Structures are given as C-alpha cells and as structure tokens.
C-alpha atoms as a PDB file:
ATOM      1  CA  MET A   1       2.452  13.742 -16.861  1.00  0.00           C
ATOM      2  CA  LEU A   2       0.053  10.816 -16.470  1.00  0.00           C
ATOM      3  CA  GLY A   3       0.873  10.574 -12.762  1.00  0.00           C
ATOM      4  CA  LEU A   4       0.039  14.237 -12.221  1.00  0.00           C
ATOM      5  CA  CYS A   5      -3.231  13.850 -14.112  1.00  0.00           C
ATOM      6  CA  LEU A   6      -4.213  10.840 -11.984  1.00  0.00           C
ATOM      7  CA  LEU A   7      -3.299  12.706  -8.811  1.00  0.00           C
ATOM      8  CA  VAL A   8      -5.541  15.639  -9.745  1.00  0.00           C
ATOM      9  CA  CYS A   9      -8.371  13.292 -10.733  1.00  0.00           C
ATOM     10  CA  GLY A  10      -8.010  11.502  -7.399  1.00  0.00           C
ATOM     11  CA  VAL A  11      -8.347  14.763  -5.496  1.00  0.00           C
ATOM     12  CA  VAL A  12     -11.488  15.583  -7.490  1.00  0.00           C
ATOM     13  CA  MET A  13     -12.892  12.116  -6.784  1.00  0.00           C
ATOM     14  CA  LEU A  14     -12.623  12.735  -3.051  1.00  0.00           C
ATOM     15  CA  VAL A  15     -15.725  14.935  -3.332  1.00  0.00           C
ATOM     16  CA  LEU A  16     -17.277  13.283  -6.405  1.00  0.00           C
ATOM     17  CA  PRO A  17     -18.186   9.598  -6.755  1.00  0.00           C
ATOM     18  CA  GLY A  18     -15.186   7.397  -7.400  1.00  0.00           C
ATOM     19  CA  GLN A  19     -12.143   5.807  -5.808  1.00  0.00           C
ATOM     20  CA  GLY A  20     -10.208   8.977  -5.005  1.00  0.00           C
ATOM     21  CA  LEU A  21      -7.604   7.480  -2.668  1.00  0.00           C
ATOM     22  CA  ILE A  22      -6.803   4.608  -5.011  1.00  0.00           C
ATOM     23  CA  THR A  23      -6.438   6.970  -7.968  1.00  0.00           C
ATOM     24  CA  MET A  24      -4.199   9.249  -5.917  1.00  0.00           C
ATOM     25  CA  LEU A  25      -2.065   6.271  -4.887  1.00  0.00           C
ATOM     26  CA  ILE A  26      -1.589   5.223  -8.509  1.00  0.00           C
ATOM     27  CA  GLY A  27      -0.768   8.803  -9.515  1.00  0.00           C
ATOM     28  CA  LEU A  28       1.749   9.174  -6.686  1.00  0.00           C
ATOM     29  CA  SER A  29       3.439   5.925  -7.628  1.00  0.00           C
ATOM     30  CA  LEU A  30       4.141   7.313 -11.108  1.00  0.00           C
ATOM     31  CA  ILE A  31       5.657  10.625  -9.940  1.00  0.00           C
ATOM     32  CA  PRO A  32       9.233  10.657  -8.570  1.00  0.00           C
ATOM     33  CA  PHE A  33       9.706  13.045  -5.612  1.00  0.00           C
ATOM     34  CA  PRO A  34      11.369  13.050  -2.168  1.00  0.00           C
ATOM     35  CA  GLY A  35       9.261  11.466   0.568  1.00  0.00           C
ATOM     36  CA  LYS A  36       7.244   9.377  -1.889  1.00  0.00           C
ATOM     37  CA  HIS A  37       7.617   6.102  -0.007  1.00  0.00           C
ATOM     38  CA  ARG A  38       6.460   7.626   3.300  1.00  0.00           C
ATOM     39  CA  ILE A  39       3.285   8.969   1.682  1.00  0.00           C
ATOM     40  CA  GLU A  40       2.597   5.623  -0.005  1.00  0.00           C
ATOM     41  CA  ARG A  41       3.009   3.833   3.344  1.00  0.00           C
ATOM     42  CA  ASP A  42       0.606   6.281   4.998  1.00  0.00           C
ATOM     43  CA  LEU A  43      -2.031   5.704   2.321  1.00  0.00           C
ATOM     44  CA  LEU A  44      -1.600   1.931   2.440  1.00  0.00           C
ATOM     45  CA  SER A  45      -2.010   1.966   6.210  1.00  0.00           C
ATOM     46  CA  ARG A  46      -5.686   2.877   5.759  1.00  0.00           C
ATOM     47  CA  ASN A  47      -8.001  -0.116   6.003  1.00  0.00           C
ATOM     48  CA  SER A  48     -10.328   1.278   3.332  1.00  0.00           C
ATOM     49  CA  VAL A  49      -7.486   1.452   0.801  1.00  0.00           C
ATOM     50  CA  ARG A  50      -6.296  -2.048   1.684  1.00  0.00           C
ATOM     51  CA  SER A  51      -9.751  -3.575   1.384  1.00  0.00           C
ATOM     52  CA  THR A  52     -10.372  -1.826  -1.936  1.00  0.00           C
ATOM     53  CA  LEU A  53      -7.059  -3.058  -3.377  1.00  0.00           C
ATOM     54  CA  ASN A  54      -7.828  -6.602  -2.276  1.00  0.00           C
ATOM     55  CA  TRP A  55     -11.369  -6.369  -3.657  1.00  0.00           C
ATOM     56  CA  ILE A  56      -9.962  -5.347  -7.058  1.00  0.00           C
ATOM     57  CA  ARG A  57      -7.496  -8.273  -6.962  1.00  0.00           C
ATOM     58  CA  ILE A  58     -10.227 -10.760  -6.024  1.00  0.00           C
ATOM     59  CA  LYS A  59     -12.366  -9.539  -8.950  1.00  0.00           C
ATOM     60  CA  ALA A  60      -9.356 -10.148 -11.230  1.00  0.00           C
ATOM     61  CA  ASN A  61      -8.956 -13.699  -9.848  1.00  0.00           C
ATOM     62  CA  LYS A  62      -5.639 -12.827  -8.188  1.00  0.00           C
ATOM     63  CA  GLU A  63      -4.456 -13.550  -4.674  1.00  0.00           C
ATOM     64  CA  PRO A  64      -5.090 -10.685  -2.228  1.00  0.00           C
ATOM     65  CA  PHE A  65      -2.153  -8.583  -1.027  1.00  0.00           C
ATOM     66  CA  ILE A  66      -0.609  -9.458   2.327  1.00  0.00           C
ATOM     67  CA  PHE A  67       0.198  -6.291   4.243  1.00  0.00           C
ATOM     68  CA  ASP A  68       2.674  -6.330   7.122  1.00  0.00           C
END
C-alpha cells in the first residue's frame, strides 16, 4: 500500500515541485510486479536520477553509488 501511495505521489510531483522520479523509484521498489527490474533499470539509466541519488548519499556522509 505504501509503495502505491509513493508511486502516485511521484507522478503528482512530476508537475509539482519535488523529486518525482526518485519518489516513483522508491514506490516501484516496494511493489512486486512482472517487469519491475526492467523499469528500475530504465529509471536508473537517467543521469538526473543517478546524480540525485548520489547527492542524497553525499549529504548523508555515505559513499556515492557506482553505476555500471
């Protein structure tokens, strides 16, 4: 239920201020469905999503993700 709520909020944040793609990615990761890993790979292939994830990790004093 939480995953669905985050997915809907992410879609809304695409037109309103906020991190819509990141919220959608978190929501999708919580919902089990066929083709989930392909969609996650497609979202993570975007440079804006990658840079935002690494920015969040740097703010939390963590090492940035290494994407292949």
